Amino acid sequence: MTDARPQLNPAAMSPEDAARLLTKLAGEPITEEMLSADREAGAPRNADGTLNLVQYTAWLVKEMKRD
């Protein structure tokens, strides 16, 4: 029996999937535009444009400490 549910890889999420997941976790809207702005501000991304949630979270924590 094969599991037909799509699997999310936290080490390689599309910006769309990451925004959707982060919105559910945060309880407030997290948009692709917000993630794009973070990338422009220096947030890490994979070579293929996907997002590693662990690396992104570490970057966010570092940025919060900077303020």
C-alpha atoms as a PDB file:
ATOM      1  CA  MET A   1       0.000   0.000   0.000  1.00  0.00           C
ATOM      2  CA  THR A   2       1.465   3.342  -1.056  1.00  0.00           C
ATOM      3  CA  ASP A   3       0.910   6.601   0.801  1.00  0.00           C
ATOM      4  CA  ALA A   4      -0.649   8.911  -1.825  1.00  0.00           C
ATOM      5  CA  ARG A   5      -0.312  12.066   0.293  1.00  0.00           C
ATOM      6  CA  PRO A   6       2.296  14.510  -0.989  1.00  0.00           C
ATOM      7  CA  GLN A   7       5.335  14.847   1.242  1.00  0.00           C
ATOM      8  CA  LEU A   8       6.914  18.152   2.226  1.00  0.00           C
ATOM      9  CA  ASN A   9      10.674  18.262   2.565  1.00  0.00           C
ATOM     10  CA  PRO A  10      11.632  20.885   5.185  1.00  0.00           C
ATOM     11  CA  ALA A  11      15.107  21.062   3.634  1.00  0.00           C
ATOM     12  CA  ALA A  12      13.739  22.011   0.206  1.00  0.00           C
ATOM     13  CA  MET A  13      10.349  23.734   0.234  1.00  0.00           C
ATOM     14  CA  SER A  14       8.955  25.851  -2.541  1.00  0.00           C
ATOM     15  CA  PRO A  15       8.244  29.440  -1.473  1.00  0.00           C
ATOM     16  CA  GLU A  16       4.526  28.728  -1.960  1.00  0.00           C
ATOM     17  CA  ASP A  17       4.562  25.653   0.298  1.00  0.00           C
ATOM     18  CA  ALA A  18       6.756  27.406   2.870  1.00  0.00           C
ATOM     19  CA  ALA A  19       4.410  30.403   3.028  1.00  0.00           C
ATOM     20  CA  ARG A  20       1.397  28.138   3.442  1.00  0.00           C
ATOM     21  CA  LEU A  21       3.051  26.084   6.203  1.00  0.00           C
ATOM     22  CA  LEU A  22       4.446  29.110   8.035  1.00  0.00           C
ATOM     23  CA  THR A  23       1.019  30.772   7.914  1.00  0.00           C
ATOM     24  CA  LYS A  24      -0.515  27.749   9.625  1.00  0.00           C
ATOM     25  CA  LEU A  25       2.242  27.617  12.245  1.00  0.00           C
ATOM     26  CA  ALA A  26       2.324  31.355  12.948  1.00  0.00           C
ATOM     27  CA  GLY A  27      -1.427  31.834  13.018  1.00  0.00           C
ATOM     28  CA  GLU A  28      -1.056  34.926  10.861  1.00  0.00           C
ATOM     29  CA  PRO A  29      -0.461  35.429   7.147  1.00  0.00           C
ATOM     30  CA  ILE A  30       3.054  34.750   5.868  1.00  0.00           C
ATOM     31  CA  THR A  31       3.149  35.532   2.163  1.00  0.00           C
ATOM     32  CA  GLU A  32       5.486  34.599  -0.636  1.00  0.00           C
ATOM     33  CA  GLU A  33       6.225  38.319  -0.925  1.00  0.00           C
ATOM     34  CA  MET A  34       7.400  38.344   2.696  1.00  0.00           C
ATOM     35  CA  LEU A  35       9.695  35.403   2.024  1.00  0.00           C
ATOM     36  CA  SER A  36      10.978  37.123  -1.109  1.00  0.00           C
ATOM     37  CA  ALA A  37      11.751  40.281   0.885  1.00  0.00           C
ATOM     38  CA  ASP A  38      13.659  38.164   3.398  1.00  0.00           C
ATOM     39  CA  ARG A  39      15.658  36.555   0.579  1.00  0.00           C
ATOM     40  CA  GLU A  40      16.526  40.033  -0.725  1.00  0.00           C
ATOM     41  CA  ALA A  41      17.628  40.939   2.817  1.00  0.00           C
ATOM     42  CA  GLY A  42      19.998  37.978   2.895  1.00  0.00           C
ATOM     43  CA  ALA A  43      17.935  34.973   3.975  1.00  0.00           C
ATOM     44  CA  PRO A  44      19.475  31.732   2.754  1.00  0.00           C
ATOM     45  CA  ARG A  45      17.983  29.700  -0.052  1.00  0.00           C
ATOM     46  CA  ASN A  46      18.977  26.576  -1.899  1.00  0.00           C
ATOM     47  CA  ALA A  47      20.540  26.783  -5.348  1.00  0.00           C
ATOM     48  CA  ASP A  48      17.244  25.690  -6.902  1.00  0.00           C
ATOM     49  CA  GLY A  49      15.323  28.510  -5.175  1.00  0.00           C
ATOM     50  CA  THR A  50      13.748  26.330  -2.516  1.00  0.00           C
ATOM     51  CA  LEU A  51      13.797  27.156   1.175  1.00  0.00           C
ATOM     52  CA  ASN A  52      15.444  25.134   3.942  1.00  0.00           C
ATOM     53  CA  LEU A  53      13.232  25.826   6.961  1.00  0.00           C
ATOM     54  CA  VAL A  54      16.002  25.082   9.480  1.00  0.00           C
ATOM     55  CA  GLN A  55      18.438  27.487   7.830  1.00  0.00           C
ATOM     56  CA  TYR A  56      15.702  30.091   7.343  1.00  0.00           C
ATOM     57  CA  THR A  57      14.681  29.860  11.011  1.00  0.00           C
ATOM     58  CA  ALA A  58      18.297  30.251  12.111  1.00  0.00           C
ATOM     59  CA  TRP A  59      18.602  33.334   9.894  1.00  0.00           C
ATOM     60  CA  LEU A  60      15.412  34.815  11.382  1.00  0.00           C
ATOM     61  CA  VAL A  61      16.709  34.294  14.935  1.00  0.00           C
ATOM     62  CA  LYS A  62      20.015  35.949  13.997  1.00  0.00           C
ATOM     63  CA  GLU A  63      18.160  38.884  12.468  1.00  0.00           C
ATOM     64  CA  MET A  64      15.962  39.266  15.559  1.00  0.00           C
ATOM     65  CA  LYS A  65      19.065  39.418  17.783  1.00  0.00           C
ATOM     66  CA  ARG A  66      20.531  42.063  15.511  1.00  0.00           C
ATOM     67  CA  ASP A  67      17.630  44.472  16.162  1.00  0.00           C
END
